[in-house]
Amino acid sequence: MARIRLLADEELDDPTRKTVKEMESNGLDTSTIRGLANSQEFFNSYFQFYYPARQGRSLSEELIEMTRLRVARHNDCFT
């Protein structure tokens, strides 16, 4: 199975590093951000939608979580 390298703090751009530090100080996992940051253009586009959606501004938290679990199940990934 392929693995995506997670970027270290010094490899992240300033806004991403700030976000990572805030998340870590709240005890949140930053592996997704560190992995997606390997492609900064993709990362920026993805999080223009993802963060507002995750904060309940675009979709409800419940719908997002149900969708995430359903996609994981279809991929035999039990989280």
C-alpha atoms as a PDB file:
ATOM      1  CA  MET A   1       0.000   0.000   0.000  1.00  0.00           C
ATOM      2  CA  ALA A   2       1.362   3.410  -0.971  1.00  0.00           C
ATOM      3  CA  ARG A   3       2.084   5.880   1.781  1.00  0.00           C
ATOM      4  CA  ILE A   4       1.910   9.652   1.572  1.00  0.00           C
ATOM      5  CA  ARG A   5       4.713  11.469   3.341  1.00  0.00           C
ATOM      6  CA  LEU A   6       3.468  13.838   6.024  1.00  0.00           C
ATOM      7  CA  LEU A   7       5.223  17.180   5.839  1.00  0.00           C
ATOM      8  CA  ALA A   8       7.151  18.456   8.852  1.00  0.00           C
ATOM      9  CA  ASP A   9       6.417  21.899  10.306  1.00  0.00           C
ATOM     10  CA  GLU A  10       9.325  23.539   8.463  1.00  0.00           C
ATOM     11  CA  GLU A  11       8.004  22.232   5.109  1.00  0.00           C
ATOM     12  CA  LEU A  12       4.559  23.830   5.512  1.00  0.00           C
ATOM     13  CA  ASP A  13       3.779  27.325   4.274  1.00  0.00           C
ATOM     14  CA  ASP A  14       3.059  29.920   6.959  1.00  0.00           C
ATOM     15  CA  PRO A  15      -0.781  29.814   6.876  1.00  0.00           C
ATOM     16  CA  THR A  16      -0.788  26.005   6.913  1.00  0.00           C
ATOM     17  CA  ARG A  17       1.759  25.870   9.734  1.00  0.00           C
ATOM     18  CA  LYS A  18      -0.404  28.260  11.774  1.00  0.00           C
ATOM     19  CA  THR A  19      -3.490  26.085  11.198  1.00  0.00           C
ATOM     20  CA  VAL A  20      -1.571  22.937  12.139  1.00  0.00           C
ATOM     21  CA  LYS A  21      -0.281  24.500  15.356  1.00  0.00           C
ATOM     22  CA  GLU A  22      -3.789  25.648  16.344  1.00  0.00           C
ATOM     23  CA  MET A  23      -5.228  22.205  15.644  1.00  0.00           C
ATOM     24  CA  GLU A  24      -2.479  20.435  17.582  1.00  0.00           C
ATOM     25  CA  SER A  25      -2.930  22.764  20.548  1.00  0.00           C
ATOM     26  CA  ASN A  26      -6.577  21.624  20.605  1.00  0.00           C
ATOM     27  CA  GLY A  27      -5.536  17.971  20.509  1.00  0.00           C
ATOM     28  CA  LEU A  28      -6.631  17.419  16.897  1.00  0.00           C
ATOM     29  CA  ASP A  29      -4.935  15.132  14.373  1.00  0.00           C
ATOM     30  CA  THR A  30      -3.128  16.999  11.589  1.00  0.00           C
ATOM     31  CA  SER A  31      -2.055  14.052   9.448  1.00  0.00           C
ATOM     32  CA  THR A  32      -4.612  14.799   6.697  1.00  0.00           C
ATOM     33  CA  ILE A  33      -3.421  18.382   6.393  1.00  0.00           C
ATOM     34  CA  ARG A  34       0.240  17.355   6.449  1.00  0.00           C
ATOM     35  CA  GLY A  35      -0.406  14.798   3.694  1.00  0.00           C
ATOM     36  CA  LEU A  36      -2.496  17.048   1.460  1.00  0.00           C
ATOM     37  CA  ALA A  37       0.056  19.850   1.794  1.00  0.00           C
ATOM     38  CA  ASN A  38       2.383  17.842  -0.480  1.00  0.00           C
ATOM     39  CA  SER A  39       0.397  19.456  -3.312  1.00  0.00           C
ATOM     40  CA  GLN A  40      -0.141  23.052  -2.229  1.00  0.00           C
ATOM     41  CA  GLU A  41      -2.464  23.893  -5.155  1.00  0.00           C
ATOM     42  CA  PHE A  42      -4.733  20.925  -4.397  1.00  0.00           C
ATOM     43  CA  PHE A  43      -4.544  21.662  -0.679  1.00  0.00           C
ATOM     44  CA  ASN A  44      -5.667  25.271  -1.133  1.00  0.00           C
ATOM     45  CA  SER A  45      -8.580  24.300  -3.401  1.00  0.00           C
ATOM     46  CA  TYR A  46      -9.694  21.455  -1.141  1.00  0.00           C
ATOM     47  CA  PHE A  47      -9.730  23.520   2.027  1.00  0.00           C
ATOM     48  CA  GLN A  48     -11.648  26.389   0.438  1.00  0.00           C
ATOM     49  CA  PHE A  49     -14.586  23.968   0.517  1.00  0.00           C
ATOM     50  CA  TYR A  50     -13.626  21.628   3.364  1.00  0.00           C
ATOM     51  CA  TYR A  51     -13.234  24.050   6.258  1.00  0.00           C
ATOM     52  CA  PRO A  52     -16.507  25.936   5.713  1.00  0.00           C
ATOM     53  CA  ALA A  53     -18.294  22.621   5.170  1.00  0.00           C
ATOM     54  CA  ARG A  54     -16.804  21.067   8.322  1.00  0.00           C
ATOM     55  CA  GLN A  55     -17.815  24.076  10.348  1.00  0.00           C
ATOM     56  CA  GLY A  56     -21.457  23.560   9.469  1.00  0.00           C
ATOM     57  CA  ARG A  57     -21.699  26.478   7.077  1.00  0.00           C
ATOM     58  CA  SER A  58     -22.244  24.456   3.912  1.00  0.00           C
ATOM     59  CA  LEU A  59     -23.391  21.060   5.184  1.00  0.00           C
ATOM     60  CA  SER A  60     -24.402  19.836   8.605  1.00  0.00           C
ATOM     61  CA  GLU A  61     -21.758  18.081  10.715  1.00  0.00           C
ATOM     62  CA  GLU A  62     -23.996  15.019  10.829  1.00  0.00           C
ATOM     63  CA  LEU A  63     -24.273  14.744   7.034  1.00  0.00           C
ATOM     64  CA  ILE A  64     -20.532  15.179   6.590  1.00  0.00           C
ATOM     65  CA  GLU A  65     -19.768  12.467   9.138  1.00  0.00           C
ATOM     66  CA  MET A  66     -22.325  10.051   7.675  1.00  0.00           C
ATOM     67  CA  THR A  67     -20.852  10.599   4.212  1.00  0.00           C
ATOM     68  CA  ARG A  68     -17.310  10.115   5.470  1.00  0.00           C
ATOM     69  CA  LEU A  69     -18.263   6.850   7.174  1.00  0.00           C
ATOM     70  CA  ARG A  70     -20.137   5.617   4.099  1.00  0.00           C
ATOM     71  CA  VAL A  71     -17.186   6.307   1.812  1.00  0.00           C
ATOM     72  CA  ALA A  72     -14.860   4.578   4.283  1.00  0.00           C
ATOM     73  CA  ARG A  73     -17.144   1.549   4.388  1.00  0.00           C
ATOM     74  CA  HIS A  74     -17.229   1.291   0.584  1.00  0.00           C
ATOM     75  CA  ASN A  75     -13.424   1.318   0.608  1.00  0.00           C
ATOM     76  CA  ASP A  76     -13.209  -1.318   3.370  1.00  0.00           C
ATOM     77  CA  CYS A  77     -11.680   1.283   5.662  1.00  0.00           C
ATOM     78  CA  PHE A  78     -13.104   1.038   9.143  1.00  0.00           C
ATOM     79  CA  THR A  79     -12.321   4.189  11.087  1.00  0.00           C
END
